[in-house]
Amino acid sequence: MAVVDDAFDPGSITIDAGTRVTWTSSGQNPHTVTADDGSFGSGTLQDGDTFSSSFQTPGSYAYYCEIHGGLGGVGMSGVVVVRGVDPSDGDGGSGGGPGAAGGAGDLPATGGKVMVAVVAMLGLAAAGIVSVRAGRRAGRPAR
């Protein structure tokens, strides 16, 4: 991630849990990388300085420059979005990536509710097809 004069580039990034993000300052002005929730902070960065932070837990982490921005996305600010690791991707099912304890960082499972909705929609579609066929057999035009 680049820290340029009065902006983070890119302003938003999406990563997997367990990823380390490095910000590199380039420009004439000093800057900071400071989490809205206080969970990380770089101190003042000058041209060529770097700051890194690892993100183990899925969620959204807003940050800003204390000199040119403010809490809540004011001015020079950005967001790191951390997604859970899919256990089916071959990482052994650790869920929260390296360093996570027993998948404690996983996003909540929502597959069951989605599956119920899909099955319900398929049932309604099938009922509609049966209704159209029954109408054709009875000599009525299909709607």
Protein backbone atom coordinates (compact mmCIF):
# COMPACT_ATOMS: atom_id res chain seq x y z
CA MET A 1 0.00 0.00 0.00
CA ALA A 2 1.34 3.40 -0.87
CA VAL A 3 1.16 6.39 1.42
CA VAL A 4 1.34 9.34 -0.96
CA ASP A 5 0.87 13.01 -0.23
CA ASP A 6 -2.59 13.23 1.30
CA ALA A 7 -3.89 9.81 0.19
CA PHE A 8 -3.58 6.07 0.70
CA ASP A 9 -3.28 4.16 -2.58
CA PRO A 10 -5.43 2.15 -2.83
CA GLY A 11 -7.91 3.56 -0.34
CA SER A 12 -9.44 0.14 0.27
CA ILE A 13 -7.95 -3.34 0.10
CA THR A 14 -9.47 -6.81 0.65
CA ILE A 15 -7.19 -9.53 2.02
CA ASP A 16 -7.37 -13.01 3.53
CA ALA A 17 -7.09 -13.46 7.27
CA GLY A 18 -3.46 -13.90 8.31
CA THR A 19 -2.11 -11.48 5.69
CA ARG A 20 0.49 -8.84 6.56
CA VAL A 21 -0.07 -5.42 4.98
CA THR A 22 2.85 -3.00 4.49
CA TRP A 23 2.38 0.71 3.89
CA THR A 24 5.28 2.57 2.24
CA SER A 25 5.48 6.34 2.56
CA SER A 26 6.45 8.25 -0.56
CA GLY A 27 6.07 11.96 -0.84
CA GLN A 28 7.16 15.17 0.78
CA ASN A 29 4.69 15.25 3.68
CA PRO A 30 4.87 13.20 6.91
CA HIS A 31 1.95 10.82 7.50
CA THR A 32 0.66 8.21 9.94
CA VAL A 33 -1.30 4.98 9.53
CA THR A 34 -3.60 4.89 12.56
CA ALA A 35 -6.50 2.47 13.15
CA ASP A 36 -9.83 4.08 14.02
CA ASP A 37 -10.14 1.58 16.88
CA GLY A 38 -6.54 2.12 18.07
CA SER A 39 -5.49 -1.47 17.26
CA PHE A 40 -2.46 -0.35 15.22
CA GLY A 41 -0.49 2.80 14.59
CA SER A 42 2.65 3.65 12.69
CA GLY A 43 3.79 6.82 14.35
CA THR A 44 5.03 9.50 11.96
CA LEU A 45 6.30 8.18 8.63
CA GLN A 46 8.70 10.16 6.44
CA ASP A 47 9.48 9.54 2.75
CA GLY A 48 10.78 5.95 2.36
CA ASP A 49 9.57 4.73 5.78
CA THR A 50 7.40 1.60 6.02
CA PHE A 51 4.88 0.26 8.51
CA SER A 52 3.39 -3.26 8.62
CA SER A 53 0.49 -4.86 10.44
CA SER A 54 -0.93 -8.39 10.30
CA PHE A 55 -4.67 -9.00 10.22
CA GLN A 56 -5.75 -12.31 11.76
CA THR A 57 -9.47 -11.77 12.32
CA PRO A 58 -12.06 -11.20 9.57
CA GLY A 59 -13.67 -7.80 9.64
CA SER A 60 -13.30 -4.25 8.41
CA TYR A 61 -10.44 -2.13 9.77
CA ALA A 62 -10.73 1.62 9.11
CA TYR A 63 -7.61 3.74 9.43
CA TYR A 64 -6.51 7.32 8.81
CA CYS A 65 -3.57 9.74 8.84
CA GLU A 66 -3.54 11.69 12.10
CA ILE A 67 -2.09 14.71 10.27
CA HIS A 68 -4.33 14.80 7.17
CA GLY A 69 -7.43 12.79 8.11
CA GLY A 70 -9.66 11.72 10.95
CA LEU A 71 -11.80 8.98 12.44
CA GLY A 72 -14.68 7.64 10.39
CA GLY A 73 -13.22 8.16 6.92
CA VAL A 74 -12.55 11.89 7.16
CA GLY A 75 -9.86 13.19 4.80
CA MET A 76 -6.87 10.91 4.31
CA SER A 77 -8.29 7.53 5.31
CA GLY A 78 -8.60 3.94 4.17
CA VAL A 79 -10.02 0.52 4.97
CA VAL A 80 -8.57 -2.99 5.17
CA VAL A 81 -11.28 -5.63 4.68
CA VAL A 82 -10.24 -9.04 6.01
CA ARG A 83 -12.16 -12.08 4.81
CA GLY A 84 -12.14 -15.51 6.42
CA VAL A 85 -10.16 -18.28 4.79
CA ASP A 86 -12.26 -20.97 3.10
CA PRO A 87 -11.43 -24.33 4.74
CA SER A 88 -11.94 -26.04 1.36
CA ASP A 89 -9.02 -24.14 -0.21
CA GLY A 90 -6.47 -26.62 1.08
CA ASP A 91 -5.16 -24.81 4.15
CA GLY A 92 -6.27 -27.63 6.41
CA GLY A 93 -9.36 -25.82 7.63
CA SER A 94 -7.63 -23.33 9.91
CA GLY A 95 -10.38 -20.80 9.12
CA GLY A 96 -8.71 -17.65 10.39
CA GLY A 97 -5.42 -18.17 8.57
CA PRO A 98 -1.99 -18.42 10.16
CA GLY A 99 -2.06 -17.81 13.87
CA ALA A 100 -5.81 -18.20 14.28
CA ALA A 101 -6.91 -20.38 17.17
CA GLY A 102 -9.13 -23.22 15.98
CA GLY A 103 -10.92 -21.18 13.34
CA ALA A 104 -12.13 -18.63 15.89
CA GLY A 105 -11.81 -15.92 13.24
CA ASP A 106 -14.19 -17.57 10.76
CA LEU A 107 -17.11 -15.63 9.41
CA PRO A 108 -20.50 -16.95 10.55
CA ALA A 109 -21.88 -19.80 8.45
CA THR A 110 -24.78 -18.69 6.27
CA GLY A 111 -24.91 -21.56 3.79
CA GLY A 112 -27.93 -23.22 5.43
CA LYS A 113 -30.20 -20.20 5.00
CA VAL A 114 -29.09 -19.72 1.40
CA MET A 115 -29.74 -23.39 0.65
CA VAL A 116 -33.27 -23.18 2.08
CA ALA A 117 -34.01 -20.17 -0.14
CA VAL A 118 -32.65 -21.94 -3.25
CA VAL A 119 -34.69 -25.08 -2.57
CA ALA A 120 -37.83 -22.97 -2.03
CA MET A 121 -37.30 -21.12 -5.31
CA LEU A 122 -36.75 -24.39 -7.18
CA GLY A 123 -39.97 -25.75 -5.66
CA LEU A 124 -41.93 -22.69 -6.77
CA ALA A 125 -40.46 -22.93 -10.27
CA ALA A 126 -41.39 -26.61 -10.49
CA ALA A 127 -44.94 -25.85 -9.33
CA GLY A 128 -45.22 -23.21 -12.04
CA ILE A 129 -44.11 -25.67 -14.73
CA VAL A 130 -46.63 -28.26 -13.52
CA SER A 131 -49.36 -25.60 -13.59
CA VAL A 132 -48.51 -24.58 -17.19
CA ARG A 133 -48.50 -28.20 -18.36
CA ALA A 134 -51.82 -28.89 -16.64
CA GLY A 135 -53.30 -25.82 -18.34
CA ARG A 136 -52.12 -26.97 -21.76
CA ARG A 137 -53.59 -30.43 -21.23
CA ALA A 138 -56.92 -28.91 -20.31
CA GLY A 139 -56.94 -26.97 -23.57
CA ARG A 140 -56.37 -23.59 -21.99
CA PRO A 141 -53.64 -21.33 -23.32
CA ALA A 142 -50.57 -21.02 -21.15
CA ARG A 143 -50.11 -17.69 -19.39
